[in-house]
Amino acid sequence: MAETLLEDALASLLAAHSTPDAIRHIEAGDTGAALWSAIEESGFADALVPESQGGAGLVLADAFALFELCGHHLLPTPLAQTMLARGALALHDHTPPTGAMVFAVSGTGSEVLLHEGSTAHWVLLGDGERLRLFDIRDSSLERSAERSLDVSLRALPEPTWTCASTLDVRALQALVLAAQMAGAMNRLLGLSLRFANERSQFGRSIGKFQAIQHQLSVMAEHVAAARTAARMGCETQQVLPDPLHCALAKARTSAAVTTVTGVAHAVHGAIGITEEFDLQLCTRRLQAWRTAAGSESYWHHRIGAALVAVPGLALPDFALEQLCGV
């Protein structure tokens, strides 16, 4: 019951504030300060922080539905990343600061790509050996592309906190994206079903045509599989997930995106690609999420590497024991 109340509260908050107009304004360069202020005031950003540190004390399994709602409403500010980042900081005995937070993985150069970092205030960066927290509110950020929420940080400021840690930050980011993709694809399925039932051609709704029904059924199968994989990635009574479960979640949800978005645009026809129609807000975001933190091929490779690392382990046993946790 408590989980349902939390989901209903967040759904109402996002429905009121993460509107198509708000998304378009932030994509055009708005700071999103008003939107983040409403989110911060709601307390959802501290959902995974222990009660002893002022949070809600949720575990990751409880938070899945909240991550999915962020994707369903195409939230243009990183609430889901902030939830998990604050939970990780609390586990490392650091009091999480207020403000939106994104994950990042250090690269070979000084430039760091911040996925959906255009409205972020903090960056939690991991390199496999340590975690570092950066305040980027005064940093110069460059948009990766027009209408993109991704930004490049040319030079990192001095960290405000650092800690030795092998935490797989890329896996955490991938899991958040998987859950968000699941939510966005479920929304896309609903939009497509509604349009197919409302749009008439030759005297009947296009949803009555067998070809459209077949496409929608394929779309529904991919959405169901993606949501199942994303939920499995979050299925733990801890705050932090198993990196291999994250790999499975991101690989399956990313793999579904091409088919799901393709069917959605096929059903909607030419109207779906117009800037005024809201469909493209969803499909563009899904395409960005698909490759962020590694596309399906990257995570398939991670899963394959984990399999061959255990000599003699049969594939069915690996799938059941390590991927599905049976």
Protein backbone atom coordinates (compact mmCIF):
# COMPACT_ATOMS: atom_id res chain seq x y z
CA MET A 1 0.00 0.00 0.00
CA ALA A 2 2.81 2.43 0.88
CA GLU A 3 4.46 1.77 -2.47
CA THR A 4 1.19 2.47 -4.29
CA LEU A 5 0.77 5.76 -2.44
CA LEU A 6 4.30 6.79 -3.38
CA GLU A 7 3.74 5.88 -7.02
CA ASP A 8 0.46 7.80 -7.13
CA ALA A 9 2.08 10.84 -5.54
CA LEU A 10 4.98 10.88 -8.00
CA ALA A 11 2.67 10.25 -10.95
CA SER A 12 0.58 13.27 -9.95
CA LEU A 13 3.67 15.43 -9.48
CA LEU A 14 5.14 14.52 -12.86
CA ALA A 15 1.82 14.82 -14.69
CA ALA A 16 1.54 18.37 -13.37
CA HIS A 17 5.13 19.49 -13.97
CA SER A 18 6.73 17.29 -16.66
CA THR A 19 4.39 18.44 -19.43
CA PRO A 20 5.23 18.50 -23.15
CA ASP A 21 5.62 22.29 -22.93
CA ALA A 22 8.02 22.00 -19.98
CA ILE A 23 10.04 19.36 -21.82
CA ARG A 24 10.29 21.53 -24.93
CA HIS A 25 11.39 24.57 -22.89
CA ILE A 26 14.17 22.63 -21.17
CA GLU A 27 15.28 21.10 -24.46
CA ALA A 28 15.47 24.65 -25.81
CA GLY A 29 17.82 25.72 -23.00
CA ASP A 30 15.69 26.47 -19.94
CA THR A 31 17.47 25.60 -16.68
CA GLY A 32 14.53 23.62 -15.31
CA ALA A 33 14.95 25.35 -11.94
CA ALA A 34 11.22 25.52 -11.24
CA LEU A 35 10.72 21.87 -12.11
CA TRP A 36 13.62 20.72 -9.95
CA SER A 37 12.45 22.91 -7.06
CA ALA A 38 9.09 21.11 -7.06
CA ILE A 39 10.85 17.73 -7.17
CA GLU A 40 13.29 18.60 -4.38
CA GLU A 41 10.47 19.86 -2.20
CA SER A 42 8.56 16.60 -2.71
CA GLY A 43 11.37 14.55 -1.13
CA PHE A 44 11.46 11.89 -3.85
CA ALA A 45 15.13 12.55 -4.57
CA ASP A 46 15.94 11.04 -1.14
CA ALA A 47 13.84 7.91 -1.67
CA LEU A 48 16.86 5.55 -1.42
CA VAL A 49 18.57 7.42 1.41
CA PRO A 50 18.20 5.66 4.81
CA GLU A 51 15.65 7.06 7.24
CA SER A 52 18.48 7.70 9.71
CA GLN A 53 19.88 10.23 7.21
CA GLY A 54 16.56 11.89 6.46
CA GLY A 55 15.45 9.77 3.50
CA ALA A 56 12.56 7.40 2.85
CA GLY A 57 14.67 4.25 3.29
CA LEU A 58 13.37 2.46 0.20
CA VAL A 59 15.19 -0.46 -1.38
CA LEU A 60 15.84 -0.74 -5.10
CA ALA A 61 12.89 -3.08 -5.73
CA ASP A 62 10.59 -0.38 -4.32
CA ALA A 63 12.19 2.31 -6.46
CA PHE A 64 11.69 0.56 -9.81
CA ALA A 65 8.18 1.91 -10.26
CA LEU A 66 9.45 5.43 -9.48
CA PHE A 67 12.23 5.13 -12.08
CA GLU A 68 9.69 3.84 -14.59
CA LEU A 69 7.41 6.81 -13.94
CA CYS A 70 10.29 9.18 -14.69
CA GLY A 71 10.58 7.51 -18.09
CA HIS A 72 6.85 7.39 -18.70
CA HIS A 73 6.59 11.14 -18.16
CA LEU A 74 9.85 11.84 -20.08
CA LEU A 75 11.10 13.82 -17.09
CA PRO A 76 13.75 16.23 -18.49
CA THR A 77 15.72 16.44 -15.27
CA PRO A 78 17.63 13.51 -13.71
CA LEU A 79 15.47 12.54 -10.74
CA ALA A 80 16.04 8.78 -11.15
CA GLN A 81 19.82 9.20 -11.38
CA THR A 82 19.70 11.49 -8.35
CA MET A 83 17.76 8.93 -6.30
CA LEU A 84 20.31 6.19 -6.93
CA ALA A 85 23.33 8.50 -6.64
CA ARG A 86 22.16 9.81 -3.27
CA GLY A 87 21.54 6.26 -2.09
CA ALA A 88 25.08 5.29 -3.14
CA LEU A 89 26.59 8.30 -1.37
CA ALA A 90 24.70 7.48 1.82
CA LEU A 91 26.08 3.92 1.71
CA HIS A 92 29.56 5.41 1.47
CA ASP A 93 28.89 7.42 4.67
CA HIS A 94 28.55 10.75 2.86
CA THR A 95 25.58 13.02 3.36
CA PRO A 96 24.11 13.64 -0.11
CA PRO A 97 23.87 17.32 -1.10
CA THR A 98 20.69 18.87 -2.43
CA GLY A 99 20.38 19.37 -6.17
CA ALA A 100 20.08 17.21 -9.28
CA MET A 101 22.84 14.64 -9.74
CA VAL A 102 24.07 12.56 -12.68
CA PHE A 103 26.49 9.67 -13.02
CA ALA A 104 29.59 9.82 -15.18
CA VAL A 105 32.41 7.49 -16.07
CA SER A 106 35.87 8.97 -16.54
CA GLY A 107 37.29 8.64 -20.04
CA THR A 108 40.72 8.90 -21.59
CA GLY A 109 40.60 12.66 -21.97
CA SER A 110 39.65 15.59 -19.81
CA GLU A 111 36.19 16.00 -21.38
CA VAL A 112 33.33 14.18 -19.64
CA LEU A 113 29.96 13.49 -21.22
CA LEU A 114 27.07 14.01 -18.85
CA HIS A 115 23.98 12.18 -19.98
CA GLU A 116 20.95 14.42 -19.31
CA GLY A 117 23.26 16.74 -17.42
CA SER A 118 21.90 20.01 -18.78
CA THR A 119 19.92 20.59 -15.56
CA ALA A 120 22.31 18.83 -13.17
CA HIS A 121 24.08 20.45 -10.23
CA TRP A 122 26.38 17.57 -9.25
CA VAL A 123 28.31 14.78 -10.94
CA LEU A 124 29.14 11.46 -9.25
CA LEU A 125 32.06 10.04 -11.20
CA GLY A 126 33.53 6.57 -10.82
CA ASP A 127 36.56 4.98 -12.43
CA GLY A 128 36.48 1.55 -10.79
CA GLU A 129 38.91 2.59 -8.06
CA ARG A 130 37.32 5.61 -6.45
CA LEU A 131 34.24 7.81 -6.41
CA ARG A 132 34.43 11.55 -6.79
CA LEU A 133 31.70 14.13 -6.38
CA PHE A 134 31.85 17.40 -8.32
CA ASP A 135 29.85 20.59 -7.99
CA ILE A 136 29.22 21.76 -11.58
CA ARG A 137 26.85 24.65 -10.92
CA ASP A 138 29.50 27.15 -12.01
CA SER A 139 31.03 24.98 -14.75
CA SER A 140 30.80 25.64 -18.46
CA LEU A 141 28.58 23.03 -20.13
CA GLU A 142 28.18 22.51 -23.86
CA ARG A 143 25.10 20.89 -25.35
CA SER A 144 25.87 17.75 -27.35
CA ALA A 145 23.24 18.53 -29.99
CA GLU A 146 20.20 20.69 -30.61
CA ARG A 147 17.29 19.72 -28.33
CA SER A 148 19.54 17.26 -26.50
CA LEU A 149 19.72 17.13 -22.71
CA ASP A 150 23.24 15.68 -22.85
CA VAL A 151 26.13 18.06 -22.21
CA SER A 152 29.90 17.95 -22.32
CA LEU A 153 31.98 19.15 -19.39
CA ARG A 154 35.29 20.36 -20.78
CA ALA A 155 37.19 20.41 -17.51
CA LEU A 156 36.27 18.97 -14.14
CA PRO A 157 36.49 21.27 -11.13
CA GLU A 158 38.14 20.11 -7.93
CA PRO A 159 36.07 17.34 -6.28
CA THR A 160 34.14 18.21 -3.14
CA TRP A 161 34.38 14.61 -1.91
CA THR A 162 36.34 11.50 -2.86
CA CYS A 163 36.33 7.91 -1.62
CA ALA A 164 38.05 4.66 -2.54
CA SER A 165 35.39 2.47 -4.16
CA THR A 166 35.02 -0.16 -6.89
CA LEU A 167 31.38 0.79 -7.45
CA ASP A 168 30.36 0.20 -11.08
CA VAL A 169 28.86 3.60 -11.84
CA ARG A 170 28.18 2.73 -15.49
CA ALA A 171 26.02 -0.20 -14.37
CA LEU A 172 24.02 2.05 -12.04
CA GLN A 173 23.41 4.54 -14.83
CA ALA A 174 22.46 1.73 -17.22
CA LEU A 175 19.89 0.35 -14.79
CA VAL A 176 18.25 3.74 -14.34
CA LEU A 177 18.07 4.17 -18.11
CA ALA A 178 16.62 0.68 -18.54
CA ALA A 179 13.80 1.43 -16.12
CA GLN A 180 13.14 4.78 -17.79
CA MET A 181 13.09 3.15 -21.24
CA ALA A 182 10.59 0.60 -19.95
CA GLY A 183 8.32 3.40 -18.80
CA ALA A 184 8.66 5.40 -22.01
CA MET A 185 8.03 2.35 -24.22
CA ASN A 186 4.93 1.47 -22.22
CA ARG A 187 3.68 5.02 -22.78
CA LEU A 188 4.47 4.72 -26.48
CA LEU A 189 2.43 1.51 -26.68
CA GLY A 190 -0.53 3.26 -25.09
CA LEU A 191 -0.28 6.20 -27.50
CA SER A 192 -0.11 3.86 -30.48
CA LEU A 193 -3.09 1.77 -29.37
CA ARG A 194 -5.16 4.89 -28.77
CA PHE A 195 -4.25 6.39 -32.14
CA ALA A 196 -5.00 3.11 -33.96
CA ASN A 197 -8.46 2.99 -32.39
CA GLU A 198 -9.23 6.66 -33.09
CA ARG A 199 -7.79 7.04 -36.61
CA SER A 200 -10.24 5.97 -39.32
CA GLN A 201 -9.48 4.87 -42.88
CA PHE A 202 -11.86 3.36 -45.42
CA GLY A 203 -14.71 3.68 -42.97
CA ARG A 204 -13.17 1.93 -39.96
CA SER A 205 -10.41 2.47 -37.40
CA ILE A 206 -6.98 1.44 -38.61
CA GLY A 207 -6.69 -0.76 -35.53
CA LYS A 208 -9.16 -3.13 -37.20
CA PHE A 209 -6.71 -3.92 -39.99
CA GLN A 210 -4.79 -7.16 -39.52
CA ALA A 211 -1.44 -5.64 -40.57
CA ILE A 212 -1.72 -2.94 -37.89
CA GLN A 213 -2.83 -5.47 -35.29
CA HIS A 214 0.20 -7.62 -36.07
CA GLN A 215 2.60 -4.68 -35.68
CA LEU A 216 1.00 -3.64 -32.41
CA SER A 217 1.21 -7.19 -31.04
CA VAL A 218 4.94 -7.34 -31.86
CA MET A 219 5.37 -3.97 -30.18
CA ALA A 220 3.51 -5.18 -27.08
CA GLU A 221 5.75 -8.27 -26.84
CA HIS A 222 8.91 -6.14 -26.87
CA VAL A 223 7.50 -3.71 -24.32
CA ALA A 224 6.53 -6.56 -21.97
CA ALA A 225 9.96 -8.18 -22.29
CA ALA A 226 11.73 -4.86 -21.72
CA ARG A 227 9.70 -4.08 -18.61
CA THR A 228 10.34 -7.56 -17.22
CA ALA A 229 14.10 -7.24 -17.76
CA ALA A 230 14.22 -3.76 -16.21
CA ARG A 231 12.24 -4.93 -13.18
CA MET A 232 14.56 -7.93 -12.76
CA GLY A 233 17.52 -5.55 -12.73
CA CYS A 234 16.01 -3.75 -9.74
CA GLU A 235 14.81 -6.87 -7.94
CA THR A 236 16.85 -6.61 -4.76
CA GLN A 237 16.14 -5.66 -1.17
CA GLN A 238 19.35 -3.62 -1.14
CA VAL A 239 20.00 -0.11 -2.47
CA LEU A 240 22.65 -1.11 -5.01
CA PRO A 241 22.05 -3.70 -7.76
CA ASP A 242 24.04 -6.62 -9.12
CA PRO A 243 26.03 -5.24 -12.12
CA LEU A 244 25.21 -8.36 -14.16
CA HIS A 245 21.50 -7.80 -13.61
CA CYS A 246 22.00 -4.22 -14.77
CA ALA A 247 23.67 -5.56 -17.91
CA LEU A 248 20.69 -7.79 -18.68
CA ALA A 249 18.21 -4.96 -18.08
CA LYS A 250 20.02 -2.46 -20.30
CA ALA A 251 20.74 -4.98 -23.08
CA ARG A 252 17.10 -6.07 -23.37
CA THR A 253 15.52 -2.64 -23.11
CA SER A 254 17.98 -1.10 -25.58
CA ALA A 255 17.37 -3.95 -28.02
CA ALA A 256 13.61 -3.28 -27.90
CA VAL A 257 13.84 0.42 -28.73
CA THR A 258 14.36 0.16 -32.49
CA THR A 259 11.33 -2.09 -33.01
CA VAL A 260 9.07 -0.24 -30.59
CA THR A 261 9.81 3.24 -31.96
CA GLY A 262 9.62 1.95 -35.53
CA VAL A 263 6.16 0.48 -35.03
CA ALA A 264 4.95 3.62 -33.25
CA HIS A 265 5.95 5.80 -36.18
CA ALA A 266 4.53 3.33 -38.69
CA VAL A 267 1.15 3.35 -36.92
CA HIS A 268 1.06 7.13 -36.61
CA GLY A 269 2.25 7.74 -40.16
CA ALA A 270 3.76 11.05 -41.21
CA ILE A 271 2.17 12.98 -38.34
CA GLY A 272 4.44 11.21 -35.85
CA ILE A 273 7.63 12.93 -36.97
CA THR A 274 6.26 16.48 -36.87
CA GLU A 275 7.67 18.77 -34.19
CA GLU A 276 4.22 19.81 -32.98
CA PHE A 277 3.12 16.22 -32.32
CA ASP A 278 4.23 14.84 -28.94
CA LEU A 279 5.19 11.39 -30.25
CA GLN A 280 8.65 12.54 -31.28
CA LEU A 281 9.39 13.72 -27.73
CA CYS A 282 9.12 10.09 -26.67
CA THR A 283 10.88 8.41 -29.58
CA ARG A 284 13.81 10.86 -29.59
CA ARG A 285 14.38 10.32 -25.89
CA LEU A 286 14.23 6.56 -26.29
CA GLN A 287 16.84 6.65 -29.05
CA ALA A 288 19.11 8.75 -26.81
CA TRP A 289 18.63 6.39 -23.86
CA ARG A 290 19.30 3.34 -26.04
CA THR A 291 22.97 4.21 -26.58
CA ALA A 292 23.67 6.13 -23.36
CA ALA A 293 25.84 4.17 -20.88
CA GLY A 294 26.39 1.56 -23.59
CA SER A 295 24.07 0.13 -26.25
CA GLU A 296 22.82 -3.45 -26.26
CA SER A 297 26.00 -4.71 -27.96
CA TYR A 298 28.17 -3.31 -25.14
CA TRP A 299 26.09 -5.03 -22.46
CA HIS A 300 25.80 -8.25 -24.45
CA HIS A 301 29.61 -8.30 -24.44
CA ARG A 302 29.66 -7.78 -20.65
CA ILE A 303 27.24 -10.68 -20.19
CA GLY A 304 29.28 -12.90 -22.50
CA ALA A 305 32.50 -12.05 -20.68
CA ALA A 306 30.87 -13.04 -17.36
CA LEU A 307 29.83 -16.37 -18.85
CA VAL A 308 33.25 -17.36 -20.21
CA ALA A 309 34.91 -16.23 -16.97
CA VAL A 310 33.49 -19.34 -15.27
CA PRO A 311 34.88 -22.42 -17.09
CA GLY A 312 32.49 -25.32 -17.37
CA LEU A 313 29.39 -23.33 -16.48
CA ALA A 314 26.54 -24.30 -18.80
CA LEU A 315 24.58 -21.48 -20.43
CA PRO A 316 21.20 -22.51 -18.89
CA ASP A 317 22.76 -22.61 -15.42
CA PHE A 318 24.41 -19.24 -15.99
CA ALA A 319 21.12 -17.71 -17.13
CA LEU A 320 19.17 -19.08 -14.19
CA GLU A 321 21.69 -18.58 -11.41
CA GLN A 322 23.52 -15.37 -12.35
CA LEU A 323 21.19 -13.50 -14.69
CA CYS A 324 17.85 -14.41 -13.14
CA GLY A 325 19.00 -15.14 -9.58
CA VAL A 326 17.04 -18.38 -9.38
